[in-house]
Every structure is written in C-alpha cells, then in structure tokens.
Amino acid sequence: MKMEQYIRAIAGTGILATLGLSLLHPYWLFVTAFIGLNLLQSAFTKWCLMEGILARFGVKKCCE
C-alpha cells in the first residue's frame, strides 16, 4: 500500500473506533473531532502529521 492509502485506512479506523468507544463515554468524540480537524487542516496546508510518522517507518509516497 502507498502512504495515501495508509492515511485513509488509519483515519477511517480511528473515526470508527472512537465512535464505538463513545458509547462507553462521550468524551471519545473529542478524539473523533481531532481526527476530522487534522484531515481538514491537511487539505489546506498540505501538511499531515501521520504522513511524517509513516515516512519514518519507510512507507513510500504515491509519487515516489
């Protein structure tokens, strides 16, 4: 898989997991909002924290 696919998979899993955990405690929705805000800011700034983390693990970008 390429980096973009990993980022989408991690974000989707994080959102679904925290939505499920919010049934136990509603504060988990703050984590869901954090993921969503990071996705939104990366669309405008072209900077993504998860991209940097994955690059350190050796995951290749889509255009490399």
N, C-alpha and C. Protein backbone atom coordinates (compact mmCIF):
# COMPACT_ATOMS: atom_id res chain seq x y z
N MET A 1 0.84 -1.18 0.00
CA MET A 1 0.00 0.00 0.00
C MET A 1 0.89 1.25 0.00
N LYS A 2 0.35 2.29 -0.54
CA LYS A 2 1.05 3.57 -0.56
C LYS A 2 0.61 4.41 0.64
N MET A 3 1.35 5.50 0.88
CA MET A 3 1.12 6.34 2.05
C MET A 3 -0.31 6.87 2.11
N GLU A 4 -0.85 7.33 0.99
CA GLU A 4 -2.20 7.88 0.98
C GLU A 4 -3.22 6.84 1.42
N GLN A 5 -3.02 5.61 1.01
CA GLN A 5 -3.94 4.54 1.40
C GLN A 5 -3.82 4.24 2.90
N TYR A 6 -2.59 4.24 3.42
CA TYR A 6 -2.41 4.04 4.86
C TYR A 6 -3.09 5.15 5.66
N ILE A 7 -2.93 6.39 5.23
CA ILE A 7 -3.51 7.52 5.95
C ILE A 7 -5.04 7.40 5.97
N ARG A 8 -5.62 7.07 4.84
CA ARG A 8 -7.09 6.91 4.79
C ARG A 8 -7.55 5.76 5.68
N ALA A 9 -6.81 4.65 5.66
CA ALA A 9 -7.17 3.49 6.48
C ALA A 9 -7.06 3.81 7.97
N ILE A 10 -5.99 4.50 8.35
CA ILE A 10 -5.79 4.84 9.76
C ILE A 10 -6.85 5.83 10.22
N ALA A 11 -7.14 6.84 9.41
CA ALA A 11 -8.16 7.83 9.78
C ALA A 11 -9.53 7.18 9.88
N GLY A 12 -9.88 6.37 8.92
CA GLY A 12 -11.18 5.69 8.96
C GLY A 12 -11.32 4.77 10.15
N THR A 13 -10.27 4.02 10.45
CA THR A 13 -10.29 3.13 11.60
C THR A 13 -10.39 3.92 12.89
N GLY A 14 -9.65 5.02 12.97
CA GLY A 14 -9.70 5.85 14.17
C GLY A 14 -11.07 6.45 14.40
N ILE A 15 -11.69 6.91 13.34
CA ILE A 15 -13.03 7.50 13.48
C ILE A 15 -14.04 6.45 13.89
N LEU A 16 -14.02 5.30 13.24
CA LEU A 16 -14.98 4.25 13.60
C LEU A 16 -14.75 3.72 15.02
N ALA A 17 -13.48 3.57 15.40
CA ALA A 17 -13.17 3.08 16.74
C ALA A 17 -13.64 4.06 17.81
N THR A 18 -13.37 5.36 17.61
CA THR A 18 -13.78 6.32 18.63
C THR A 18 -15.28 6.54 18.65
N LEU A 19 -15.93 6.37 17.51
CA LEU A 19 -17.40 6.43 17.54
C LEU A 19 -17.97 5.28 18.35
N GLY A 20 -17.38 4.10 18.19
CA GLY A 20 -17.81 2.96 19.00
C GLY A 20 -17.51 3.17 20.48
N LEU A 21 -16.32 3.70 20.78
CA LEU A 21 -15.96 3.95 22.17
C LEU A 21 -16.80 5.05 22.80
N SER A 22 -17.37 5.92 21.98
CA SER A 22 -18.20 6.99 22.53
C SER A 22 -19.48 6.43 23.16
N LEU A 23 -19.82 5.20 22.85
CA LEU A 23 -20.96 4.57 23.52
C LEU A 23 -20.63 4.30 24.98
N LEU A 24 -19.33 4.14 25.28
CA LEU A 24 -18.91 3.94 26.66
C LEU A 24 -18.78 5.27 27.41
N HIS A 25 -18.22 6.25 26.71
CA HIS A 25 -18.06 7.58 27.30
C HIS A 25 -18.04 8.62 26.19
N PRO A 26 -18.85 9.65 26.31
CA PRO A 26 -18.98 10.63 25.21
C PRO A 26 -17.71 11.44 24.95
N TYR A 27 -16.75 11.47 25.86
CA TYR A 27 -15.53 12.24 25.63
C TYR A 27 -14.69 11.67 24.48
N TRP A 28 -14.93 10.44 24.08
CA TRP A 28 -14.23 9.87 22.94
C TRP A 28 -14.54 10.63 21.66
N LEU A 29 -15.65 11.35 21.64
CA LEU A 29 -15.99 12.13 20.45
C LEU A 29 -15.00 13.28 20.22
N PHE A 30 -14.28 13.70 21.26
CA PHE A 30 -13.24 14.70 21.07
C PHE A 30 -12.10 14.16 20.22
N VAL A 31 -11.79 12.88 20.37
CA VAL A 31 -10.76 12.26 19.53
C VAL A 31 -11.24 12.18 18.09
N THR A 32 -12.51 11.86 17.90
CA THR A 32 -13.10 11.84 16.57
C THR A 32 -13.00 13.22 15.92
N ALA A 33 -13.31 14.24 16.68
CA ALA A 33 -13.21 15.61 16.17
C ALA A 33 -11.77 15.98 15.86
N PHE A 34 -10.83 15.54 16.69
CA PHE A 34 -9.41 15.81 16.45
C PHE A 34 -8.96 15.20 15.12
N ILE A 35 -9.36 13.97 14.86
CA ILE A 35 -9.01 13.32 13.59
C ILE A 35 -9.60 14.09 12.42
N GLY A 36 -10.86 14.47 12.54
CA GLY A 36 -11.52 15.22 11.47
C GLY A 36 -10.87 16.57 11.23
N LEU A 37 -10.48 17.26 12.30
CA LEU A 37 -9.82 18.56 12.14
C LEU A 37 -8.45 18.41 11.49
N ASN A 38 -7.73 17.35 11.84
CA ASN A 38 -6.44 17.12 11.20
C ASN A 38 -6.60 16.83 9.71
N LEU A 39 -7.62 16.09 9.35
CA LEU A 39 -7.88 15.83 7.93
C LEU A 39 -8.21 17.13 7.20
N LEU A 40 -9.00 17.97 7.84
CA LEU A 40 -9.39 19.23 7.23
C LEU A 40 -8.19 20.18 7.07
N GLN A 41 -7.39 20.31 8.11
CA GLN A 41 -6.25 21.23 8.01
C GLN A 41 -5.23 20.72 7.01
N SER A 42 -5.08 19.41 6.86
CA SER A 42 -4.11 18.88 5.89
C SER A 42 -4.55 19.15 4.46
N ALA A 43 -5.86 19.29 4.25
CA ALA A 43 -6.34 19.61 2.91
C ALA A 43 -5.93 21.01 2.49
N PHE A 44 -5.82 21.92 3.47
CA PHE A 44 -5.47 23.30 3.15
C PHE A 44 -3.97 23.58 3.25
N THR A 45 -3.30 22.95 4.21
CA THR A 45 -1.89 23.25 4.44
C THR A 45 -0.95 22.29 3.74
N LYS A 46 -1.46 21.17 3.24
CA LYS A 46 -0.65 20.13 2.61
C LYS A 46 0.37 19.52 3.59
N TRP A 47 0.12 19.61 4.89
CA TRP A 47 0.96 19.01 5.91
C TRP A 47 0.12 18.07 6.75
N CYS A 48 0.62 16.85 6.95
CA CYS A 48 -0.11 15.85 7.71
C CYS A 48 0.85 15.18 8.69
N LEU A 49 0.49 15.17 9.96
CA LEU A 49 1.33 14.56 10.98
C LEU A 49 1.53 13.07 10.70
N MET A 50 0.47 12.38 10.32
CA MET A 50 0.57 10.94 10.07
C MET A 50 1.50 10.65 8.89
N GLU A 51 1.56 11.55 7.93
CA GLU A 51 2.46 11.39 6.80
C GLU A 51 3.92 11.36 7.28
N GLY A 52 4.25 12.24 8.20
CA GLY A 52 5.59 12.27 8.77
C GLY A 52 5.92 11.01 9.56
N ILE A 53 4.93 10.53 10.31
CA ILE A 53 5.14 9.31 11.09
C ILE A 53 5.34 8.12 10.17
N LEU A 54 4.51 8.00 9.14
CA LEU A 54 4.64 6.88 8.22
C LEU A 54 5.94 6.94 7.43
N ALA A 55 6.41 8.15 7.11
CA ALA A 55 7.67 8.30 6.38
C ALA A 55 8.83 7.76 7.21
N ARG A 56 8.78 7.96 8.52
CA ARG A 56 9.82 7.44 9.40
C ARG A 56 9.83 5.92 9.44
N PHE A 57 8.66 5.31 9.18
CA PHE A 57 8.57 3.85 9.13
C PHE A 57 8.91 3.30 7.75
N GLY A 58 9.23 4.20 6.81
CA GLY A 58 9.66 3.76 5.50
C GLY A 58 8.57 3.57 4.48
N VAL A 59 7.38 4.07 4.75
CA VAL A 59 6.27 3.95 3.80
C VAL A 59 6.51 4.94 2.66
N LYS A 60 6.39 4.48 1.43
CA LYS A 60 6.64 5.32 0.26
C LYS A 60 5.42 6.17 -0.07
N LYS A 61 5.68 7.38 -0.56
CA LYS A 61 4.59 8.24 -1.04
C LYS A 61 4.10 7.70 -2.37
N CYS A 62 2.93 8.17 -2.80
CA CYS A 62 2.31 7.66 -4.01
C CYS A 62 3.13 8.00 -5.27
N CYS A 63 3.88 9.09 -5.24
CA CYS A 63 4.58 9.54 -6.44
C CYS A 63 6.05 9.17 -6.48
N GLU A 64 6.54 8.42 -5.50
CA GLU A 64 7.95 8.05 -5.47
C GLU A 64 8.19 6.74 -6.18
